[in-house]
Every structure is written in C-alpha cells, then in structure tokens.
C-alpha atoms as a PDB file:
ATOM      1  CA  UNK A   1      -3.998  -7.567 -37.444  1.00  0.00           C
ATOM      2  CA  UNK A   2      -2.017 -10.582 -36.066  1.00  0.00           C
ATOM      3  CA  UNK A   3      -3.694 -10.989 -32.624  1.00  0.00           C
ATOM      4  CA  UNK A   4      -6.639 -10.140 -30.437  1.00  0.00           C
ATOM      5  CA  UNK A   5      -6.236  -9.180 -26.791  1.00  0.00           C
ATOM      6  CA  UNK A   6      -9.178  -9.542 -24.590  1.00  0.00           C
ATOM      7  CA  UNK A   7      -9.695  -7.799 -21.181  1.00  0.00           C
ATOM      8  CA  UNK A   8     -11.628 -10.183 -18.936  1.00  0.00           C
ATOM      9  CA  UNK A   9     -13.604  -8.467 -16.275  1.00  0.00           C
ATOM     10  CA  UNK A  10     -16.405  -6.713 -18.040  1.00  0.00           C
ATOM     11  CA  UNK A  11     -15.284  -7.545 -21.558  1.00  0.00           C
ATOM     12  CA  UNK A  12     -15.627 -11.363 -21.437  1.00  0.00           C
ATOM     13  CA  UNK A  13     -17.774 -11.825 -18.306  1.00  0.00           C
ATOM     14  CA  UNK A  14     -19.496  -9.276 -16.721  1.00  0.00           C
ATOM     15  CA  UNK A  15     -18.196  -9.584 -13.318  1.00  0.00           C
ATOM     16  CA  UNK A  16     -17.871  -6.048 -12.505  1.00  0.00           C
ATOM     17  CA  UNK A  17     -21.784  -5.797 -12.053  1.00  0.00           C
ATOM     18  CA  UNK A  18     -21.537  -8.694  -9.660  1.00  0.00           C
ATOM     19  CA  UNK A  19     -18.678  -6.986  -7.625  1.00  0.00           C
ATOM     20  CA  UNK A  20     -20.608  -3.756  -7.552  1.00  0.00           C
ATOM     21  CA  UNK A  21     -23.904  -5.405  -6.354  1.00  0.00           C
ATOM     22  CA  UNK A  22     -21.992  -7.364  -3.770  1.00  0.00           C
ATOM     23  CA  UNK A  23     -20.528  -4.276  -2.300  1.00  0.00           C
ATOM     24  CA  UNK A  24     -23.716  -2.221  -2.644  1.00  0.00           C
ATOM     25  CA  UNK A  25     -25.433  -4.993  -0.462  1.00  0.00           C
ATOM     26  CA  UNK A  26     -22.896  -4.662   2.124  1.00  0.00           C
ATOM     27  CA  UNK A  27     -23.058  -1.000   2.379  1.00  0.00           C
ATOM     28  CA  UNK A  28     -26.686  -1.106   2.313  1.00  0.00           C
ATOM     29  CA  UNK A  29     -26.658  -3.653   5.232  1.00  0.00           C
ATOM     30  CA  UNK A  30     -24.712  -1.071   7.193  1.00  0.00           C
ATOM     31  CA  UNK A  31     -26.974   1.755   6.567  1.00  0.00           C
ATOM     32  CA  UNK A  32     -24.389   3.211   4.051  1.00  0.00           C
ATOM     33  CA  UNK A  33     -24.561   3.914   0.172  1.00  0.00           C
ATOM     34  CA  UNK A  34     -22.043   2.915  -2.538  1.00  0.00           C
ATOM     35  CA  UNK A  35     -22.620   5.283  -5.309  1.00  0.00           C
ATOM     36  CA  UNK A  36     -21.707   4.415  -8.967  1.00  0.00           C
ATOM     37  CA  UNK A  37     -19.955   7.924  -9.261  1.00  0.00           C
ATOM     38  CA  UNK A  38     -17.382   6.418  -6.261  1.00  0.00           C
ATOM     39  CA  UNK A  39     -16.977   3.196  -7.943  1.00  0.00           C
ATOM     40  CA  UNK A  40     -16.505   3.884 -11.853  1.00  0.00           C
ATOM     41  CA  UNK A  41     -12.837   5.401 -11.388  1.00  0.00           C
ATOM     42  CA  UNK A  42     -11.565   2.062  -9.878  1.00  0.00           C
ATOM     43  CA  UNK A  43     -12.845  -0.010 -12.553  1.00  0.00           C
ATOM     44  CA  UNK A  44     -10.234  -1.781 -14.768  1.00  0.00           C
ATOM     45  CA  UNK A  45      -7.437  -0.249 -12.469  1.00  0.00           C
ATOM     46  CA  UNK A  46      -5.436  -1.829  -9.400  1.00  0.00           C
ATOM     47  CA  UNK A  47      -2.850   0.600  -9.536  1.00  0.00           C
ATOM     48  CA  UNK A  48      -4.374   3.199  -7.289  1.00  0.00           C
ATOM     49  CA  UNK A  49      -5.641   2.342  -3.455  1.00  0.00           C
ATOM     50  CA  UNK A  50      -9.047   0.864  -3.390  1.00  0.00           C
ATOM     51  CA  UNK A  51     -10.338  -0.027  -0.243  1.00  0.00           C
ATOM     52  CA  UNK A  52     -14.235  -0.428  -0.244  1.00  0.00           C
ATOM     53  CA  UNK A  53     -14.134  -1.998   3.088  1.00  0.00           C
ATOM     54  CA  UNK A  54     -12.108   0.844   4.654  1.00  0.00           C
ATOM     55  CA  UNK A  55     -14.259   3.308   2.861  1.00  0.00           C
ATOM     56  CA  UNK A  56     -17.361   1.574   4.618  1.00  0.00           C
ATOM     57  CA  UNK A  57     -15.516   1.678   8.032  1.00  0.00           C
ATOM     58  CA  UNK A  58     -14.810   5.405   7.664  1.00  0.00           C
ATOM     59  CA  UNK A  59     -18.717   6.181   6.544  1.00  0.00           C
ATOM     60  CA  UNK A  60     -20.183   4.407   9.700  1.00  0.00           C
ATOM     61  CA  UNK A  61     -17.605   5.670  11.885  1.00  0.00           C
ATOM     62  CA  UNK A  62     -16.784   2.416  13.675  1.00  0.00           C
ATOM     63  CA  UNK A  63     -14.411  -0.334  13.252  1.00  0.00           C
ATOM     64  CA  UNK A  64     -15.513  -3.371  11.000  1.00  0.00           C
ATOM     65  CA  UNK A  65     -14.373  -6.922  10.635  1.00  0.00           C
ATOM     66  CA  UNK A  66     -12.994  -6.125   7.298  1.00  0.00           C
ATOM     67  CA  UNK A  67     -11.519  -9.362   6.519  1.00  0.00           C
ATOM     68  CA  UNK A  68     -14.739 -11.120   7.327  1.00  0.00           C
ATOM     69  CA  UNK A  69     -16.852  -8.554   5.010  1.00  0.00           C
ATOM     70  CA  UNK A  70     -14.261  -9.257   2.166  1.00  0.00           C
ATOM     71  CA  UNK A  71     -14.712 -12.969   2.422  1.00  0.00           C
ATOM     72  CA  UNK A  72     -18.593 -12.587   2.400  1.00  0.00           C
ATOM     73  CA  UNK A  73     -18.042 -10.381  -0.746  1.00  0.00           C
ATOM     74  CA  UNK A  74     -15.853 -12.803  -2.641  1.00  0.00           C
ATOM     75  CA  UNK A  75     -18.390 -15.673  -1.796  1.00  0.00           C
ATOM     76  CA  UNK A  76     -21.222 -13.283  -2.829  1.00  0.00           C
ATOM     77  CA  UNK A  77     -19.415 -12.531  -6.408  1.00  0.00           C
ATOM     78  CA  UNK A  78     -18.995 -16.246  -6.817  1.00  0.00           C
ATOM     79  CA  UNK A  79     -22.577 -17.058  -6.393  1.00  0.00           C
ATOM     80  CA  UNK A  80     -23.456 -14.084  -8.601  1.00  0.00           C
ATOM     81  CA  UNK A  81     -21.134 -15.133 -11.355  1.00  0.00           C
ATOM     82  CA  UNK A  82     -22.496 -18.637 -11.659  1.00  0.00           C
ATOM     83  CA  UNK A  83     -25.429 -17.560 -13.700  1.00  0.00           C
ATOM     84  CA  UNK A  84     -23.240 -15.503 -15.851  1.00  0.00           C
ATOM     85  CA  UNK A  85     -22.485 -16.338 -19.614  1.00  0.00           C
ATOM     86  CA  UNK A  86     -19.740 -14.934 -21.724  1.00  0.00           C
ATOM     87  CA  UNK A  87     -20.900 -11.625 -22.997  1.00  0.00           C
ATOM     88  CA  UNK A  88     -22.769 -11.244 -26.600  1.00  0.00           C
ATOM     89  CA  UNK A  89     -20.060 -11.859 -29.391  1.00  0.00           C
ATOM     90  CA  UNK A  90     -17.389 -13.060 -27.326  1.00  0.00           C
ATOM     91  CA  UNK A  91     -17.631 -16.808 -28.343  1.00  0.00           C
ATOM     92  CA  UNK A  92     -18.248 -15.713 -32.068  1.00  0.00           C
ATOM     93  CA  UNK A  93     -14.977 -13.696 -31.935  1.00  0.00           C
ATOM     94  CA  UNK A  94     -12.821 -16.659 -30.317  1.00  0.00           C
ATOM     95  CA  UNK A  95     -14.266 -19.070 -32.771  1.00  0.00           C
ATOM     96  CA  UNK A  96     -13.596 -16.630 -35.767  1.00  0.00           C
ATOM     97  CA  UNK A  97      -9.973 -15.535 -34.594  1.00  0.00           C
ATOM     98  CA  UNK A  98      -9.353 -19.196 -34.392  1.00  0.00           C
ATOM     99  CA  UNK A  99     -10.555 -20.108 -37.828  1.00  0.00           C
ATOM    100  CA  UNK A 100      -8.493 -17.138 -39.473  1.00  0.00           C
ATOM    101  CA  UNK A 101      -5.376 -18.081 -37.436  1.00  0.00           C
ATOM    102  CA  UNK A 102      -5.093 -14.987 -35.164  1.00  0.00           C
ATOM    103  CA  UNK A 103      -3.373 -15.406 -31.802  1.00  0.00           C
ATOM    104  CA  UNK A 104      -5.574 -14.669 -28.846  1.00  0.00           C
ATOM    105  CA  UNK A 105      -4.617 -13.278 -25.377  1.00  0.00           C
ATOM    106  CA  UNK A 106      -6.002 -12.081 -22.430  1.00  0.00           C
ATOM    107  CA  UNK A 107      -4.702  -9.089 -20.462  1.00  0.00           C
ATOM    108  CA  UNK A 108      -6.442  -8.500 -17.046  1.00  0.00           C
ATOM    109  CA  UNK A 109      -5.580  -6.372 -13.894  1.00  0.00           C
ATOM    110  CA  UNK A 110      -7.271  -9.101 -11.939  1.00  0.00           C
ATOM    111  CA  UNK A 111      -5.594 -12.056 -10.266  1.00  0.00           C
ATOM    112  CA  UNK A 112      -4.476 -15.096 -12.395  1.00  0.00           C
ATOM    113  CA  UNK A 113      -6.479 -17.548 -10.484  1.00  0.00           C
ATOM    114  CA  UNK A 114      -9.605 -15.435 -10.773  1.00  0.00           C
ATOM    115  CA  UNK A 115      -9.212 -15.104 -14.624  1.00  0.00           C
ATOM    116  CA  UNK A 116      -8.031 -18.602 -15.178  1.00  0.00           C
ATOM    117  CA  UNK A 117     -10.749 -20.041 -13.017  1.00  0.00           C
ATOM    118  CA  UNK A 118     -13.581 -18.269 -14.601  1.00  0.00           C
ATOM    119  CA  UNK A 119     -12.243 -19.011 -18.277  1.00  0.00           C
ATOM    120  CA  UNK A 120     -11.862 -22.602 -17.425  1.00  0.00           C
ATOM    121  CA  UNK A 121     -15.466 -22.874 -15.962  1.00  0.00           C
ATOM    122  CA  UNK A 122     -16.764 -21.181 -19.091  1.00  0.00           C
ATOM    123  CA  UNK A 123     -14.730 -23.610 -21.413  1.00  0.00           C
ATOM    124  CA  UNK A 124     -12.790 -20.765 -22.812  1.00  0.00           C
ATOM    125  CA  UNK A 125      -9.450 -21.207 -21.450  1.00  0.00           C
ATOM    126  CA  UNK A 126      -7.978 -23.417 -24.343  1.00  0.00           C
ATOM    127  CA  UNK A 127      -8.741 -20.710 -26.862  1.00  0.00           C
ATOM    128  CA  UNK A 128      -5.934 -18.286 -25.459  1.00  0.00           C
ATOM    129  CA  UNK A 129      -2.242 -18.945 -25.940  1.00  0.00           C
ATOM    130  CA  UNK A 130      -1.173 -16.337 -23.217  1.00  0.00           C
ATOM    131  CA  UNK A 131      -2.750 -14.836 -20.256  1.00  0.00           C
ATOM    132  CA  UNK A 132      -1.189 -11.801 -18.416  1.00  0.00           C
ATOM    133  CA  UNK A 133      -2.530 -10.803 -14.907  1.00  0.00           C
ATOM    134  CA  UNK A 134      -1.504  -8.302 -12.467  1.00  0.00           C
ATOM    135  CA  UNK A 135       1.075 -10.950 -11.080  1.00  0.00           C
ATOM    136  CA  UNK A 136       3.006 -10.333 -14.308  1.00  0.00           C
ATOM    137  CA  UNK A 137       3.383  -6.912 -14.040  1.00  0.00           C
ATOM    138  CA  UNK A 138       4.355  -3.914 -11.616  1.00  0.00           C
ATOM    139  CA  UNK A 139       1.821  -1.803 -12.830  1.00  0.00           C
ATOM    140  CA  UNK A 140      -1.545  -2.472 -14.100  1.00  0.00           C
ATOM    141  CA  UNK A 141      -3.922  -0.739 -16.370  1.00  0.00           C
ATOM    142  CA  UNK A 142      -4.222   2.323 -17.260  1.00  0.00           C
ATOM    143  CA  UNK A 143      -0.137   1.398 -17.531  1.00  0.00           C
ATOM    144  CA  UNK A 144       0.268  -0.204 -20.942  1.00  0.00           C
ATOM    145  CA  UNK A 145       2.541  -3.065 -19.307  1.00  0.00           C
ATOM    146  CA  UNK A 146      -0.161  -5.782 -19.599  1.00  0.00           C
ATOM    147  CA  UNK A 147      -0.963  -5.263 -23.137  1.00  0.00           C
ATOM    148  CA  UNK A 148       2.793  -5.053 -24.004  1.00  0.00           C
ATOM    149  CA  UNK A 149       3.425  -8.238 -22.129  1.00  0.00           C
ATOM    150  CA  UNK A 150       0.500 -10.021 -23.861  1.00  0.00           C
ATOM    151  CA  UNK A 151       1.780  -9.155 -27.180  1.00  0.00           C
ATOM    152  CA  UNK A 152       5.253 -10.011 -26.280  1.00  0.00           C
ATOM    153  CA  UNK A 153       4.208 -13.586 -25.274  1.00  0.00           C
ATOM    154  CA  UNK A 154       2.346 -14.049 -28.531  1.00  0.00           C
ATOM    155  CA  UNK A 155       5.416 -12.923 -30.452  1.00  0.00           C
ATOM    156  CA  UNK A 156       3.774  -9.864 -32.211  1.00  0.00           C
ATOM    157  CA  UNK A 157       4.161  -6.071 -32.155  1.00  0.00           C
ATOM    158  CA  UNK A 158       1.645  -4.294 -29.855  1.00  0.00           C
ATOM    159  CA  UNK A 159       0.598  -2.485 -33.296  1.00  0.00           C
ATOM    160  CA  UNK A 160      -0.117  -5.680 -34.828  1.00  0.00           C
ATOM    161  CA  UNK A 161      -2.819  -6.364 -32.071  1.00  0.00           C
ATOM    162  CA  UNK A 162      -6.623  -5.484 -31.474  1.00  0.00           C
ATOM    163  CA  UNK A 163      -7.578  -5.037 -27.986  1.00  0.00           C
ATOM    164  CA  UNK A 164     -11.106  -5.574 -26.778  1.00  0.00           C
ATOM    165  CA  UNK A 165     -12.061  -3.352 -23.545  1.00  0.00           C
ATOM    166  CA  UNK A 166     -14.631  -1.946 -21.403  1.00  0.00           C
ATOM    167  CA  UNK A 167     -13.353   0.473 -19.129  1.00  0.00           C
ATOM    168  CA  UNK A 168     -11.351   3.806 -19.418  1.00  0.00           C
ATOM    169  CA  UNK A 169      -8.378   2.565 -17.883  1.00  0.00           C
ATOM    170  CA  UNK A 170      -8.184  -0.148 -20.054  1.00  0.00           C
ATOM    171  CA  UNK A 171      -8.550   2.103 -23.051  1.00  0.00           C
ATOM    172  CA  UNK A 172      -5.926   4.382 -21.885  1.00  0.00           C
ATOM    173  CA  UNK A 173      -3.425   1.245 -21.541  1.00  0.00           C
ATOM    174  CA  UNK A 174      -4.301  -0.020 -24.730  1.00  0.00           C
ATOM    175  CA  UNK A 175      -3.862   3.057 -26.783  1.00  0.00           C
ATOM    176  CA  UNK A 176      -0.418   3.733 -24.736  1.00  0.00           C
ATOM    177  CA  UNK A 177       0.739   0.439 -25.852  1.00  0.00           C
ATOM    178  CA  UNK A 178       0.166   1.094 -29.643  1.00  0.00           C
ATOM    179  CA  UNK A 179      -2.917  -1.409 -30.074  1.00  0.00           C
ATOM    180  CA  UNK A 180      -5.839  -0.654 -32.375  1.00  0.00           C
ATOM    181  CA  UNK A 181      -8.479  -0.267 -29.262  1.00  0.00           C
ATOM    182  CA  UNK A 182     -12.130  -1.502 -29.407  1.00  0.00           C
ATOM    183  CA  UNK A 183     -14.113  -0.232 -26.651  1.00  0.00           C
ATOM    184  CA  UNK A 184     -17.376  -2.198 -25.601  1.00  0.00           C
ATOM    185  CA  UNK A 185     -18.701  -0.588 -22.656  1.00  0.00           C
ATOM    186  CA  UNK A 186     -20.963  -2.682 -20.113  1.00  0.00           C
ATOM    187  CA  UNK A 187     -23.880  -1.796 -18.014  1.00  0.00           C
ATOM    188  CA  UNK A 188     -21.627   0.006 -15.525  1.00  0.00           C
ATOM    189  CA  UNK A 189     -18.878   1.305 -17.804  1.00  0.00           C
ATOM    190  CA  UNK A 190     -21.463   2.619 -20.254  1.00  0.00           C
ATOM    191  CA  UNK A 191     -21.647   5.788 -18.129  1.00  0.00           C
ATOM    192  CA  UNK A 192     -17.792   6.522 -19.006  1.00  0.00           C
ATOM    193  CA  UNK A 193     -16.302   8.521 -21.966  1.00  0.00           C
ATOM    194  CA  UNK A 194     -14.659   5.940 -23.826  1.00  0.00           C
ATOM    195  CA  UNK A 195     -14.246   8.037 -27.012  1.00  0.00           C
ATOM    196  CA  UNK A 196     -10.450   7.732 -26.709  1.00  0.00           C
ATOM    197  CA  UNK A 197     -10.875   4.256 -28.278  1.00  0.00           C
ATOM    198  CA  UNK A 198     -10.230   3.722 -32.078  1.00  0.00           C
ATOM    199  CA  UNK A 199     -13.720   2.011 -32.224  1.00  0.00           C
ATOM    200  CA  UNK A 200     -16.830   2.077 -29.612  1.00  0.00           C
ATOM    201  CA  UNK A 201     -19.346  -0.540 -30.080  1.00  0.00           C
ATOM    202  CA  UNK A 202     -22.645  -0.983 -28.111  1.00  0.00           C
ATOM    203  CA  UNK A 203     -22.290  -4.878 -28.126  1.00  0.00           C
ATOM    204  CA  UNK A 204     -19.187  -7.029 -29.534  1.00  0.00           C
ATOM    205  CA  UNK A 205     -21.925  -8.784 -31.878  1.00  0.00           C
ATOM    206  CA  UNK A 206     -22.705  -5.705 -33.457  1.00  0.00           C
ATOM    207  CA  UNK A 207     -19.816  -5.992 -35.807  1.00  0.00           C
ATOM    208  CA  UNK A 208     -18.427  -9.209 -37.132  1.00  0.00           C
ATOM    209  CA  UNK A 209     -14.694  -9.890 -36.967  1.00  0.00           C
ATOM    210  CA  UNK A 210     -13.908  -9.565 -40.595  1.00  0.00           C
ATOM    211  CA  UNK A 211     -15.519  -6.077 -40.530  1.00  0.00           C
ATOM    212  CA  UNK A 212     -13.434  -5.126 -37.519  1.00  0.00           C
ATOM    213  CA  UNK A 213     -10.320  -6.134 -39.314  1.00  0.00           C
ATOM    214  CA  UNK A 214     -11.475  -4.155 -42.270  1.00  0.00           C
ATOM    215  CA  UNK A 215     -12.032  -0.971 -40.305  1.00  0.00           C
ATOM    216  CA  UNK A 216      -8.615  -1.425 -38.650  1.00  0.00           C
ATOM    217  CA  UNK A 217      -6.901  -1.721 -41.834  1.00  0.00           C
ATOM    218  CA  UNK A 218      -8.606   1.373 -43.055  1.00  0.00           C
ATOM    219  CA  UNK A 219      -7.274   3.446 -40.148  1.00  0.00           C
ATOM    220  CA  UNK A 220      -3.840   2.009 -40.783  1.00  0.00           C
ATOM    221  CA  UNK A 221      -3.427  -0.957 -38.605  1.00  0.00           C
ATOM    222  CA  UNK A 222      -0.096  -2.960 -39.447  1.00  0.00           C
ATOM    223  CA  UNK A 223      -0.097  -6.641 -40.566  1.00  0.00           C
ATOM    224  CA  UNK A 224      -3.540  -6.959 -41.333  1.00  0.00           C
ATOM    225  CA  UNK A 225      -4.822 -10.487 -42.791  1.00  0.00           C
ATOM    226  CA  UNK A 226      -6.560 -10.116 -45.962  1.00  0.00           C
ATOM    227  CA  UNK A 227     -10.235  -9.208 -45.746  1.00  0.00           C
ATOM    228  CA  UNK A 228     -12.675 -11.045 -48.439  1.00  0.00           C
END
C-alpha cells in the first residue's frame, strides 16, 4: 500500500474511555446511569444527534445547566487525557511507515483543534502529511468522506491505503471508501462486532507493519510496497 490512514480517538489515543468516564461521573452525580449499551452506537459517529446532557435532563425530569455540564465534561476529559500515552504499537507503526516511505494521514470525526492539539502534545503531529476532521466534510463516519478526503490529500487512491480503526462506524466508513481496513478495538469498542473489517487485531503491536503489508497484498491490495 502507499499510505496508512489512522483514526484518532480510540486508535491513536484512548480518549473515548475518558469521555465515557467523564459523562458517567456526571450522570452518577445526578442519580442517573449512563450505560455502555447506550453509548456504543455513537462512538466514531458525529452524523447522528448525540446529546448526553439533554438525555440526562430527560432522565432526571428537570432543567439542567447543560452548558455548564458540558464545560465540566470537557475539563474532566482534558484532565483524564493528560495521563494517556499513545496506544500500543502506534509509535512503532509511525516510525516504520516513515522509514518505508509510506504516506500518513489522520481521518477523524472529531474537531481539528482536538485532534491536532493532542497530536502536538504527544509529539506525533509531525508524522502526518494530512489531517482530515469533521470541519472538512459534510458527513462524518460512517460516511466514507473523511477517508476519501484523506486519500485525496495524500495523492493516492483509496484502494492504496490501509485504514486503522477502532469503531464500527469507522470500519464501515473505511470499507465504503475502498480501503484495506484493520480494526483494533479498545476497552469500549471490544464489545462491538467489527468483523466487517479485512483484519481484526487485539492490539496494533500484535502485528508488525511489514507483516500487515504482506497480508494486505495476499488479500489483493493495490500498489503494495515489496515485502522482505
């Protein structure tokens, strides 16, 4: 393949767990419960209405200061994320891809400031030639637009890319774009059926990048680099 396209939340950094925990704490403080079953369908998908503060308001049956709640959640997420490191295998893949001359992109349904801010803080921003976020498309995942725009920005065909994803919505988007799709579920998305992906890994560092390229070639990937 000519390029790797990474999802961000839950694939590079496990921010999804932090967000879920922050909202769980808010719900518990109001005597309500936020279940994983309710949360899972929204992971990696900003194209459908998702209003956890509004949902909490309905559960408690009284008006809440939703703006203040959302500010608290944002601050709590930032605090929780400060202790996070890139998920296992991410840095190894970035360094290996760079050494092989593969192009690198991020395609995320999150805001650009969120993605680039965290990548800069982690020291990873410089690895990526292209970053596409919700501001760059009309529809986010599971629509394929983010991956199509990322491939376009890299100057490669979508079929010449490997997408690394953690969510069902992300997998659907990558497959619709025509990319070779690898699912690496995290602590939350391990509960989802990600079998639509071309390959499912427990952790990214379970498989070296050269071996992933070999598997993609065996499955008919286009434009593959030679594998030694």
